[in-house]
Amino acid sequence: MYKLEDLLYVYRELVKRGVKAIIIGDTVVQIALGYKKLEGDLDLFILEPSPIMERDFYENIAYELGWETSLTEIGTPALIIPLVEGHLVVELYENYMDIEVPSEVLESADEMRVHGEKIALIKPEHYLVLKARQGVDISKLKKYISELKSKGILNKKLVENTLSFYSEEEQELIVERLEEAGLKL
């Protein structure tokens, strides 16, 4: 677990060094739901510099800040940031292998101010579609859908619109998974 302040620290340090990033993982849902402690890792979609082509760039940042580096399951860099208790794993992604974030999702990312600092993140509905497309952690998807619905902050129309970024075949599979997780479209 980590705090919003930890996220801001990492985001600020990366932006200071010229990184353009958008938060894409379940952190976006946790922020929308007002979680005080964030769970899991922090997934960033990197617009520039490329985490694949410029791996040394990220290794140098880690070295400079006393962080460690690792690799994600698809071979892109991950940063391991020590915290007072434990550590925060920050996975760096771009459209590569089975990670495909449509440009429409990235272009409509929200910028929000947290404690006076700007962060960019995709909408929770976009995350739900991306996660359903990925087809893993349906139980996590179910939990988030339930929480978003109970707080009245789930925009079904946005989910439906996001589906249009994919082929009909993929849409059917995504809808099936979303419905399995409790979101009837």
N, C-alpha and C. Protein backbone atom coordinates (compact mmCIF):
# COMPACT_ATOMS: atom_id res chain seq x y z
N MET A 1 0.84 -1.19 0.00
CA MET A 1 0.00 0.00 0.00
C MET A 1 0.88 1.25 0.00
N TYR A 2 0.34 2.27 -0.63
CA TYR A 2 1.05 3.54 -0.66
C TYR A 2 0.04 4.68 -0.61
N LYS A 3 0.54 5.86 -0.35
CA LYS A 3 -0.31 7.03 -0.22
C LYS A 3 -0.28 7.86 -1.49
N LEU A 4 -1.26 8.72 -1.63
CA LEU A 4 -1.31 9.65 -2.76
C LEU A 4 -0.04 10.50 -2.81
N GLU A 5 0.49 10.84 -1.64
CA GLU A 5 1.72 11.64 -1.58
C GLU A 5 2.89 10.89 -2.22
N ASP A 6 2.93 9.56 -2.07
CA ASP A 6 3.98 8.75 -2.70
C ASP A 6 3.85 8.81 -4.22
N LEU A 7 2.61 8.69 -4.69
CA LEU A 7 2.35 8.79 -6.13
C LEU A 7 2.82 10.15 -6.65
N LEU A 8 2.46 11.21 -5.93
CA LEU A 8 2.85 12.56 -6.35
C LEU A 8 4.36 12.72 -6.39
N TYR A 9 5.04 12.18 -5.42
CA TYR A 9 6.50 12.26 -5.38
C TYR A 9 7.10 11.63 -6.64
N VAL A 10 6.67 10.42 -6.96
CA VAL A 10 7.21 9.71 -8.13
C VAL A 10 6.87 10.48 -9.41
N TYR A 11 5.62 10.88 -9.53
CA TYR A 11 5.16 11.58 -10.74
C TYR A 11 5.95 12.89 -10.92
N ARG A 12 6.10 13.63 -9.83
CA ARG A 12 6.84 14.90 -9.87
C ARG A 12 8.28 14.69 -10.31
N GLU A 13 8.95 13.69 -9.74
CA GLU A 13 10.36 13.43 -10.08
C GLU A 13 10.51 13.04 -11.55
N LEU A 14 9.57 12.27 -12.07
CA LEU A 14 9.64 11.87 -13.48
C LEU A 14 9.38 13.07 -14.39
N VAL A 15 8.36 13.86 -14.08
CA VAL A 15 8.02 15.03 -14.89
C VAL A 15 9.17 16.03 -14.90
N LYS A 16 9.81 16.23 -13.73
CA LYS A 16 10.97 17.14 -13.63
C LYS A 16 12.07 16.77 -14.61
N ARG A 17 12.15 15.48 -14.91
CA ARG A 17 13.22 14.97 -15.78
C ARG A 17 12.76 14.77 -17.22
N GLY A 18 11.59 15.34 -17.55
CA GLY A 18 11.14 15.34 -18.94
C GLY A 18 10.23 14.18 -19.34
N VAL A 19 9.78 13.39 -18.38
CA VAL A 19 8.89 12.27 -18.70
C VAL A 19 7.46 12.79 -18.83
N LYS A 20 6.79 12.36 -19.90
CA LYS A 20 5.36 12.65 -20.07
C LYS A 20 4.63 11.34 -19.87
N ALA A 21 3.79 11.30 -18.84
CA ALA A 21 3.14 10.04 -18.46
C ALA A 21 1.69 10.25 -18.08
N ILE A 22 0.90 9.18 -18.29
CA ILE A 22 -0.51 9.16 -17.91
C ILE A 22 -0.73 7.92 -17.05
N ILE A 23 -1.39 8.08 -15.93
CA ILE A 23 -1.69 6.95 -15.06
C ILE A 23 -2.80 6.14 -15.72
N ILE A 24 -2.56 4.82 -15.88
CA ILE A 24 -3.53 3.98 -16.59
C ILE A 24 -4.06 2.80 -15.79
N GLY A 25 -3.47 2.45 -14.70
CA GLY A 25 -3.85 1.25 -13.97
C GLY A 25 -5.02 1.48 -13.02
N ASP A 26 -5.24 0.51 -12.13
CA ASP A 26 -6.38 0.60 -11.23
C ASP A 26 -6.25 1.75 -10.23
N THR A 27 -5.12 2.38 -10.19
CA THR A 27 -4.95 3.58 -9.36
C THR A 27 -5.98 4.64 -9.74
N VAL A 28 -6.34 4.72 -11.03
CA VAL A 28 -7.33 5.74 -11.46
C VAL A 28 -8.67 5.50 -10.80
N VAL A 29 -9.06 4.23 -10.66
CA VAL A 29 -10.33 3.89 -10.01
C VAL A 29 -10.23 4.19 -8.52
N GLN A 30 -9.11 3.83 -7.91
CA GLN A 30 -8.93 4.07 -6.48
C GLN A 30 -8.99 5.56 -6.16
N ILE A 31 -8.40 6.39 -7.01
CA ILE A 31 -8.45 7.84 -6.82
C ILE A 31 -9.89 8.33 -6.96
N ALA A 32 -10.58 7.86 -8.01
CA ALA A 32 -11.98 8.27 -8.22
C ALA A 32 -12.86 7.89 -7.04
N LEU A 33 -12.55 6.76 -6.41
CA LEU A 33 -13.33 6.29 -5.27
C LEU A 33 -12.90 6.93 -3.94
N GLY A 34 -11.84 7.72 -3.99
CA GLY A 34 -11.39 8.44 -2.80
C GLY A 34 -10.60 7.61 -1.81
N TYR A 35 -9.96 6.54 -2.27
CA TYR A 35 -9.13 5.72 -1.38
C TYR A 35 -8.05 6.60 -0.75
N LYS A 36 -7.83 6.42 0.52
CA LYS A 36 -6.76 7.14 1.22
C LYS A 36 -5.44 6.40 1.06
N LYS A 37 -5.50 5.08 1.05
CA LYS A 37 -4.31 4.26 0.80
C LYS A 37 -4.54 3.51 -0.50
N LEU A 38 -3.57 3.60 -1.38
CA LEU A 38 -3.68 2.98 -2.69
C LEU A 38 -3.05 1.60 -2.67
N GLU A 39 -3.66 0.69 -3.40
CA GLU A 39 -3.23 -0.70 -3.41
C GLU A 39 -2.53 -1.04 -4.71
N GLY A 40 -1.63 -2.03 -4.65
CA GLY A 40 -1.00 -2.53 -5.86
C GLY A 40 0.14 -1.66 -6.34
N ASP A 41 0.40 -1.76 -7.63
CA ASP A 41 1.48 -0.96 -8.21
C ASP A 41 0.90 0.26 -8.90
N LEU A 42 1.77 1.05 -9.48
CA LEU A 42 1.38 2.25 -10.22
C LEU A 42 1.76 2.03 -11.67
N ASP A 43 0.75 1.98 -12.55
CA ASP A 43 0.99 1.77 -13.97
C ASP A 43 0.95 3.09 -14.71
N LEU A 44 2.04 3.41 -15.40
CA LEU A 44 2.13 4.65 -16.17
C LEU A 44 2.26 4.33 -17.65
N PHE A 45 1.46 4.99 -18.46
CA PHE A 45 1.64 4.93 -19.91
C PHE A 45 2.57 6.08 -20.24
N ILE A 46 3.71 5.77 -20.81
CA ILE A 46 4.73 6.78 -21.08
C ILE A 46 4.59 7.29 -22.52
N LEU A 47 4.37 8.59 -22.65
CA LEU A 47 4.29 9.21 -23.97
C LEU A 47 5.69 9.50 -24.50
N GLU A 48 6.55 9.93 -23.58
CA GLU A 48 7.96 10.13 -23.94
C GLU A 48 8.80 10.33 -22.69
N PRO A 49 10.06 9.98 -22.73
CA PRO A 49 10.73 9.16 -23.74
C PRO A 49 10.33 7.68 -23.62
N SER A 50 10.44 6.99 -24.72
CA SER A 50 10.03 5.60 -24.79
C SER A 50 10.74 4.74 -23.75
N PRO A 51 9.99 4.01 -22.93
CA PRO A 51 10.65 3.16 -21.94
C PRO A 51 11.37 1.97 -22.57
N ILE A 52 11.00 1.63 -23.78
CA ILE A 52 11.66 0.51 -24.46
C ILE A 52 12.93 0.98 -25.15
N MET A 53 12.83 2.07 -25.90
CA MET A 53 13.98 2.56 -26.65
C MET A 53 14.97 3.34 -25.77
N GLU A 54 14.49 3.89 -24.68
CA GLU A 54 15.33 4.73 -23.80
C GLU A 54 15.45 4.14 -22.40
N ARG A 55 15.61 2.84 -22.33
CA ARG A 55 15.70 2.15 -21.03
C ARG A 55 16.78 2.76 -20.14
N ASP A 56 17.93 3.12 -20.74
CA ASP A 56 19.03 3.72 -19.97
C ASP A 56 18.60 5.00 -19.27
N PHE A 57 17.75 5.78 -19.93
CA PHE A 57 17.24 7.03 -19.37
C PHE A 57 16.58 6.75 -18.01
N TYR A 58 15.72 5.73 -17.96
CA TYR A 58 15.00 5.39 -16.73
C TYR A 58 15.92 4.76 -15.69
N GLU A 59 16.88 3.99 -16.15
CA GLU A 59 17.86 3.41 -15.21
C GLU A 59 18.68 4.52 -14.56
N ASN A 60 19.02 5.56 -15.32
CA ASN A 60 19.78 6.70 -14.77
C ASN A 60 18.96 7.47 -13.74
N ILE A 61 17.66 7.66 -14.02
CA ILE A 61 16.79 8.33 -13.05
C ILE A 61 16.77 7.52 -11.75
N ALA A 62 16.59 6.22 -11.89
CA ALA A 62 16.54 5.35 -10.70
C ALA A 62 17.84 5.46 -9.91
N TYR A 63 18.95 5.41 -10.59
CA TYR A 63 20.26 5.49 -9.92
C TYR A 63 20.38 6.83 -9.17
N GLU A 64 20.03 7.92 -9.87
CA GLU A 64 20.13 9.26 -9.31
C GLU A 64 19.27 9.42 -8.04
N LEU A 65 18.10 8.78 -8.03
CA LEU A 65 17.17 8.96 -6.91
C LEU A 65 17.23 7.85 -5.86
N GLY A 66 18.14 6.90 -6.05
CA GLY A 66 18.25 5.81 -5.09
C GLY A 66 17.13 4.78 -5.21
N TRP A 67 16.55 4.71 -6.40
CA TRP A 67 15.51 3.72 -6.67
C TRP A 67 16.17 2.50 -7.30
N GLU A 68 15.42 1.44 -7.42
CA GLU A 68 15.90 0.25 -8.12
C GLU A 68 15.12 0.08 -9.41
N THR A 69 15.61 -0.79 -10.28
CA THR A 69 14.89 -1.06 -11.53
C THR A 69 14.62 -2.55 -11.64
N SER A 70 13.63 -2.86 -12.42
CA SER A 70 13.25 -4.23 -12.70
C SER A 70 12.57 -4.23 -14.07
N LEU A 71 11.89 -5.31 -14.39
CA LEU A 71 11.15 -5.39 -15.65
C LEU A 71 9.71 -5.81 -15.36
N THR A 72 8.79 -5.33 -16.20
CA THR A 72 7.40 -5.77 -16.11
C THR A 72 7.31 -7.16 -16.75
N GLU A 73 6.15 -7.76 -16.67
CA GLU A 73 5.96 -9.09 -17.25
C GLU A 73 6.10 -9.10 -18.78
N ILE A 74 5.99 -7.92 -19.42
CA ILE A 74 6.19 -7.89 -20.88
C ILE A 74 7.55 -7.32 -21.27
N GLY A 75 8.39 -7.07 -20.27
CA GLY A 75 9.76 -6.65 -20.57
C GLY A 75 10.02 -5.16 -20.62
N THR A 76 9.04 -4.34 -20.24
CA THR A 76 9.29 -2.90 -20.16
C THR A 76 9.85 -2.59 -18.77
N PRO A 77 10.50 -1.45 -18.61
CA PRO A 77 11.11 -1.12 -17.31
C PRO A 77 10.07 -0.92 -16.20
N ALA A 78 10.50 -1.23 -15.01
CA ALA A 78 9.73 -0.93 -13.80
C ALA A 78 10.69 -0.28 -12.82
N LEU A 79 10.18 0.67 -12.08
CA LEU A 79 10.97 1.36 -11.06
C LEU A 79 10.48 0.90 -9.69
N ILE A 80 11.40 0.69 -8.77
CA ILE A 80 11.04 0.25 -7.43
C ILE A 80 11.48 1.35 -6.46
N ILE A 81 10.48 2.00 -5.88
CA ILE A 81 10.74 3.16 -5.04
C ILE A 81 10.59 2.75 -3.56
N PRO A 82 11.65 2.93 -2.77
CA PRO A 82 11.53 2.60 -1.34
C PRO A 82 10.63 3.61 -0.63
N LEU A 83 9.76 3.09 0.23
CA LEU A 83 8.87 3.93 1.02
C LEU A 83 9.21 3.72 2.49
N VAL A 84 8.62 4.50 3.36
CA VAL A 84 8.85 4.33 4.80
C VAL A 84 8.52 2.89 5.19
N GLU A 85 7.39 2.39 4.67
CA GLU A 85 7.02 1.00 4.88
C GLU A 85 6.91 0.33 3.51
N GLY A 86 7.80 -0.58 3.21
CA GLY A 86 7.73 -1.30 1.94
C GLY A 86 8.28 -0.51 0.77
N HIS A 87 7.67 -0.74 -0.39
CA HIS A 87 8.12 -0.07 -1.60
C HIS A 87 6.95 0.06 -2.57
N LEU A 88 7.12 0.92 -3.55
CA LEU A 88 6.13 1.13 -4.61
C LEU A 88 6.75 0.71 -5.92
N VAL A 89 6.07 -0.19 -6.63
CA VAL A 89 6.52 -0.61 -7.96
C VAL A 89 5.78 0.24 -8.99
N VAL A 90 6.55 0.90 -9.85
CA VAL A 90 5.99 1.74 -10.90
C VAL A 90 6.33 1.09 -12.23
N GLU A 91 5.29 0.58 -12.90
CA GLU A 91 5.49 -0.10 -14.18
C GLU A 91 5.29 0.88 -15.32
N LEU A 92 6.25 0.91 -16.23
CA LEU A 92 6.24 1.85 -17.34
C LEU A 92 5.83 1.14 -18.63
N TYR A 93 4.77 1.63 -19.26
CA TYR A 93 4.24 0.99 -20.45
C TYR A 93 4.15 1.94 -21.63
N GLU A 94 4.12 1.36 -22.79
CA GLU A 94 3.71 2.03 -24.02
C GLU A 94 3.01 0.95 -24.84
N ASN A 95 2.44 1.30 -25.98
CA ASN A 95 1.76 0.30 -26.79
C ASN A 95 2.81 -0.67 -27.32
N TYR A 96 2.80 -1.86 -26.74
CA TYR A 96 3.82 -2.86 -27.02
C TYR A 96 3.26 -4.22 -26.62
N MET A 97 3.43 -5.20 -27.47
CA MET A 97 2.93 -6.55 -27.24
C MET A 97 1.43 -6.51 -26.95
N ASP A 98 0.98 -7.04 -25.80
CA ASP A 98 -0.46 -7.09 -25.55
C ASP A 98 -1.00 -5.85 -24.83
N ILE A 99 -0.16 -4.85 -24.65
CA ILE A 99 -0.62 -3.58 -24.08
C ILE A 99 -0.99 -2.67 -25.24
N GLU A 100 -2.29 -2.34 -25.32
CA GLU A 100 -2.75 -1.45 -26.38
C GLU A 100 -3.77 -0.48 -25.80
N VAL A 101 -3.31 0.73 -25.59
CA VAL A 101 -4.20 1.78 -25.10
C VAL A 101 -4.51 2.67 -26.30
N PRO A 102 -5.79 2.71 -26.72
CA PRO A 102 -6.15 3.51 -27.89
C PRO A 102 -5.79 4.98 -27.71
N SER A 103 -5.41 5.62 -28.80
CA SER A 103 -5.04 7.04 -28.74
C SER A 103 -6.20 7.89 -28.22
N GLU A 104 -7.44 7.49 -28.53
CA GLU A 104 -8.61 8.25 -28.05
C GLU A 104 -8.67 8.26 -26.52
N VAL A 105 -8.26 7.17 -25.90
CA VAL A 105 -8.25 7.09 -24.44
C VAL A 105 -7.17 8.02 -23.88
N LEU A 106 -5.99 7.97 -24.49
CA LEU A 106 -4.89 8.81 -24.03
C LEU A 106 -5.19 10.29 -24.23
N GLU A 107 -5.78 10.62 -25.39
CA GLU A 107 -6.07 12.03 -25.70
C GLU A 107 -7.15 12.61 -24.80
N SER A 108 -8.01 11.75 -24.25
CA SER A 108 -9.08 12.27 -23.38
C SER A 108 -8.75 12.11 -21.90
N ALA A 109 -7.49 11.82 -21.61
CA ALA A 109 -7.07 11.68 -20.20
C ALA A 109 -7.35 12.98 -19.46
N ASP A 110 -7.72 12.82 -18.20
CA ASP A 110 -8.00 13.98 -17.35
C ASP A 110 -6.71 14.48 -16.74
N GLU A 111 -6.64 15.79 -16.56
CA GLU A 111 -5.57 16.37 -15.74
C GLU A 111 -6.25 16.81 -14.47
N MET A 112 -5.72 16.39 -13.36
CA MET A 112 -6.30 16.84 -12.11
C MET A 112 -5.21 17.35 -11.17
N ARG A 113 -5.63 18.23 -10.30
CA ARG A 113 -4.70 18.76 -9.31
C ARG A 113 -4.89 18.01 -8.00
N VAL A 114 -3.79 17.54 -7.48
CA VAL A 114 -3.79 16.86 -6.19
C VAL A 114 -2.75 17.56 -5.34
N HIS A 115 -3.18 18.14 -4.24
CA HIS A 115 -2.28 18.91 -3.38
C HIS A 115 -1.51 19.95 -4.20
N GLY A 116 -2.19 20.59 -5.16
CA GLY A 116 -1.59 21.66 -5.95
C GLY A 116 -0.73 21.19 -7.12
N GLU A 117 -0.60 19.88 -7.31
CA GLU A 117 0.23 19.36 -8.41
C GLU A 117 -0.65 18.68 -9.44
N LYS A 118 -0.27 18.84 -10.71
CA LYS A 118 -1.04 18.23 -11.80
C LYS A 118 -0.58 16.81 -12.08
N ILE A 119 -1.56 15.93 -12.23
CA ILE A 119 -1.28 14.58 -12.70
C ILE A 119 -2.26 14.28 -13.84
N ALA A 120 -1.84 13.42 -14.75
CA ALA A 120 -2.71 13.01 -15.86
C ALA A 120 -3.11 11.56 -15.65
N LEU A 121 -4.40 11.28 -15.84
CA LEU A 121 -4.87 9.92 -15.66
C LEU A 121 -6.07 9.65 -16.56
N ILE A 122 -6.19 8.39 -16.97
CA ILE A 122 -7.34 8.02 -17.78
C ILE A 122 -8.58 7.97 -16.88
N LYS A 123 -9.74 7.94 -17.51
CA LYS A 123 -10.99 7.88 -16.76
C LYS A 123 -11.21 6.45 -16.24
N PRO A 124 -11.89 6.30 -15.10
CA PRO A 124 -12.14 4.96 -14.57
C PRO A 124 -12.84 4.04 -15.57
N GLU A 125 -13.76 4.59 -16.35
CA GLU A 125 -14.48 3.79 -17.34
C GLU A 125 -13.53 3.24 -18.40
N HIS A 126 -12.54 4.04 -18.77
CA HIS A 126 -11.53 3.57 -19.72
C HIS A 126 -10.74 2.40 -19.12
N TYR A 127 -10.39 2.54 -17.85
CA TYR A 127 -9.68 1.45 -17.18
C TYR A 127 -10.49 0.16 -17.21
N LEU A 128 -11.79 0.26 -16.92
CA LEU A 128 -12.64 -0.93 -16.91
C LEU A 128 -12.60 -1.66 -18.25
N VAL A 129 -12.67 -0.90 -19.34
CA VAL A 129 -12.65 -1.50 -20.67
C VAL A 129 -11.27 -2.10 -20.95
N LEU A 130 -10.20 -1.39 -20.62
CA LEU A 130 -8.85 -1.91 -20.83
C LEU A 130 -8.63 -3.19 -20.04
N LYS A 131 -9.10 -3.21 -18.80
CA LYS A 131 -8.92 -4.39 -17.95
C LYS A 131 -9.74 -5.57 -18.46
N ALA A 132 -10.97 -5.30 -18.89
CA ALA A 132 -11.81 -6.37 -19.45
C ALA A 132 -11.20 -6.92 -20.73
N ARG A 133 -10.62 -6.05 -21.54
CA ARG A 133 -9.95 -6.50 -22.77
C ARG A 133 -8.78 -7.42 -22.42
N GLN A 134 -8.05 -7.05 -21.38
CA GLN A 134 -6.89 -7.83 -20.95
C GLN A 134 -7.33 -9.22 -20.46
N GLY A 135 -8.50 -9.28 -19.83
CA GLY A 135 -9.06 -10.56 -19.43
C GLY A 135 -8.49 -11.20 -18.17
N VAL A 136 -7.82 -10.43 -17.37
CA VAL A 136 -7.30 -10.95 -16.10
C VAL A 136 -7.93 -10.18 -14.94
N ASP A 137 -7.91 -10.77 -13.76
CA ASP A 137 -8.44 -10.12 -12.55
C ASP A 137 -9.91 -9.69 -12.69
N ILE A 138 -10.75 -10.58 -13.19
CA ILE A 138 -12.17 -10.26 -13.31
C ILE A 138 -12.77 -9.97 -11.93
N SER A 139 -12.25 -10.62 -10.89
CA SER A 139 -12.75 -10.36 -9.53
C SER A 139 -12.45 -8.91 -9.11
N LYS A 140 -11.27 -8.41 -9.49
CA LYS A 140 -10.93 -7.01 -9.19
C LYS A 140 -11.87 -6.07 -9.96
N LEU A 141 -12.12 -6.42 -11.21
CA LEU A 141 -13.02 -5.64 -12.05
C LEU A 141 -14.42 -5.60 -11.40
N LYS A 142 -14.87 -6.74 -10.93
CA LYS A 142 -16.17 -6.86 -10.27
C LYS A 142 -16.24 -5.94 -9.05
N LYS A 143 -15.19 -5.95 -8.26
CA LYS A 143 -15.12 -5.11 -7.05
C LYS A 143 -15.21 -3.63 -7.42
N TYR A 144 -14.42 -3.20 -8.41
CA TYR A 144 -14.42 -1.79 -8.79
C TYR A 144 -15.74 -1.37 -9.41
N ILE A 145 -16.34 -2.22 -10.24
CA ILE A 145 -17.63 -1.89 -10.85
C ILE A 145 -18.67 -1.70 -9.75
N SER A 146 -18.68 -2.60 -8.79
CA SER A 146 -19.63 -2.51 -7.68
C SER A 146 -19.44 -1.21 -6.90
N GLU A 147 -18.19 -0.87 -6.59
CA GLU A 147 -17.91 0.35 -5.82
C GLU A 147 -18.26 1.61 -6.61
N LEU A 148 -17.93 1.63 -7.90
CA LEU A 148 -18.24 2.81 -8.73
C LEU A 148 -19.76 2.98 -8.85
N LYS A 149 -20.48 1.88 -9.03
CA LYS A 149 -21.94 1.94 -9.13
C LYS A 149 -22.54 2.43 -7.83
N SER A 150 -22.05 1.91 -6.70
CA SER A 150 -22.63 2.29 -5.40
C SER A 150 -22.41 3.77 -5.08
N LYS A 151 -21.33 4.34 -5.62
CA LYS A 151 -21.07 5.77 -5.40
C LYS A 151 -21.73 6.64 -6.48
N GLY A 152 -22.34 5.97 -7.48
CA GLY A 152 -23.02 6.71 -8.55
C GLY A 152 -22.10 7.45 -9.49
N ILE A 153 -20.88 6.94 -9.65
CA ILE A 153 -19.91 7.64 -10.50
C ILE A 153 -19.45 6.79 -11.69
N LEU A 154 -20.29 5.84 -12.10
CA LEU A 154 -19.96 5.01 -13.26
C LEU A 154 -20.77 5.48 -14.45
N ASN A 155 -20.09 5.92 -15.49
CA ASN A 155 -20.73 6.44 -16.69
C ASN A 155 -20.79 5.33 -17.75
N LYS A 156 -21.95 4.66 -17.85
CA LYS A 156 -22.10 3.56 -18.80
C LYS A 156 -21.92 4.02 -20.25
N LYS A 157 -22.38 5.22 -20.54
CA LYS A 157 -22.25 5.73 -21.92
C LYS A 157 -20.78 5.85 -22.31
N LEU A 158 -19.95 6.27 -21.38
CA LEU A 158 -18.52 6.37 -21.65
C LEU A 158 -17.91 4.99 -21.87
N VAL A 159 -18.36 4.00 -21.10
CA VAL A 159 -17.90 2.62 -21.30
C VAL A 159 -18.28 2.17 -22.71
N GLU A 160 -19.54 2.39 -23.10
CA GLU A 160 -20.02 1.99 -24.42
C GLU A 160 -19.24 2.71 -25.53
N ASN A 161 -18.97 4.00 -25.34
CA ASN A 161 -18.21 4.75 -26.33
C ASN A 161 -16.78 4.20 -26.45
N THR A 162 -16.19 3.84 -25.33
CA THR A 162 -14.82 3.31 -25.33
C THR A 162 -14.75 1.99 -26.10
N LEU A 163 -15.81 1.21 -26.03
CA LEU A 163 -15.86 -0.06 -26.77
C LEU A 163 -15.68 0.17 -28.27
N SER A 164 -16.15 1.31 -28.76
CA SER A 164 -16.08 1.59 -30.20
C SER A 164 -14.64 1.73 -30.71
N PHE A 165 -13.67 1.82 -29.83
CA PHE A 165 -12.27 1.93 -30.23
C PHE A 165 -11.70 0.56 -30.64
N TYR A 166 -12.50 -0.49 -30.46
CA TYR A 166 -12.04 -1.85 -30.75
C TYR A 166 -12.89 -2.50 -31.84
N SER A 167 -12.37 -3.57 -32.41
CA SER A 167 -13.09 -4.32 -33.45
C SER A 167 -14.34 -4.95 -32.84
N GLU A 168 -15.29 -5.31 -33.70
CA GLU A 168 -16.54 -5.93 -33.22
C GLU A 168 -16.26 -7.20 -32.43
N GLU A 169 -15.31 -7.99 -32.92
CA GLU A 169 -14.96 -9.23 -32.24
C GLU A 169 -14.45 -8.96 -30.82
N GLU A 170 -13.55 -7.98 -30.69
CA GLU A 170 -13.03 -7.63 -29.37
C GLU A 170 -14.12 -7.03 -28.48
N GLN A 171 -15.00 -6.23 -29.09
CA GLN A 171 -16.09 -5.62 -28.32
C GLN A 171 -16.94 -6.69 -27.65
N GLU A 172 -17.26 -7.75 -28.39
CA GLU A 172 -18.09 -8.83 -27.84
C GLU A 172 -17.44 -9.46 -26.62
N LEU A 173 -16.15 -9.72 -26.72
CA LEU A 173 -15.42 -10.33 -25.61
C LEU A 173 -15.35 -9.38 -24.41
N ILE A 174 -15.08 -8.11 -24.68
CA ILE A 174 -15.00 -7.11 -23.60
C ILE A 174 -16.35 -6.99 -22.89
N VAL A 175 -17.43 -6.91 -23.66
CA VAL A 175 -18.77 -6.79 -23.08
C VAL A 175 -19.08 -8.02 -22.24
N GLU A 176 -18.73 -9.19 -22.75
CA GLU A 176 -18.95 -10.43 -22.00
C GLU A 176 -18.25 -10.39 -20.64
N ARG A 177 -17.02 -9.94 -20.64
CA ARG A 177 -16.25 -9.87 -19.40
C ARG A 177 -16.80 -8.80 -18.45
N LEU A 178 -17.19 -7.65 -19.00
CA LEU A 178 -17.77 -6.59 -18.17
C LEU A 178 -19.07 -7.07 -17.54
N GLU A 179 -19.89 -7.77 -18.32
CA GLU A 179 -21.16 -8.28 -17.79
C GLU A 179 -20.91 -9.35 -16.73
N GLU A 180 -19.90 -10.19 -16.95
CA GLU A 180 -19.52 -11.18 -15.94
C GLU A 180 -19.12 -10.51 -14.63
N ALA A 181 -18.55 -9.30 -14.76
CA ALA A 181 -18.10 -8.54 -13.58
C ALA A 181 -19.20 -7.65 -13.00
N GLY A 182 -20.41 -7.72 -13.60
CA GLY A 182 -21.54 -6.99 -13.02
C GLY A 182 -21.95 -5.71 -13.71
N LEU A 183 -21.41 -5.43 -14.88
CA LEU A 183 -21.79 -4.22 -15.60
C LEU A 183 -22.60 -4.60 -16.84
N LYS A 184 -23.90 -4.44 -16.75
CA LYS A 184 -24.79 -4.79 -17.87
C LYS A 184 -24.83 -3.61 -18.83
N LEU A 185 -24.52 -3.89 -20.09
CA LEU A 185 -24.52 -2.82 -21.11
C LEU A 185 -25.67 -3.01 -22.08
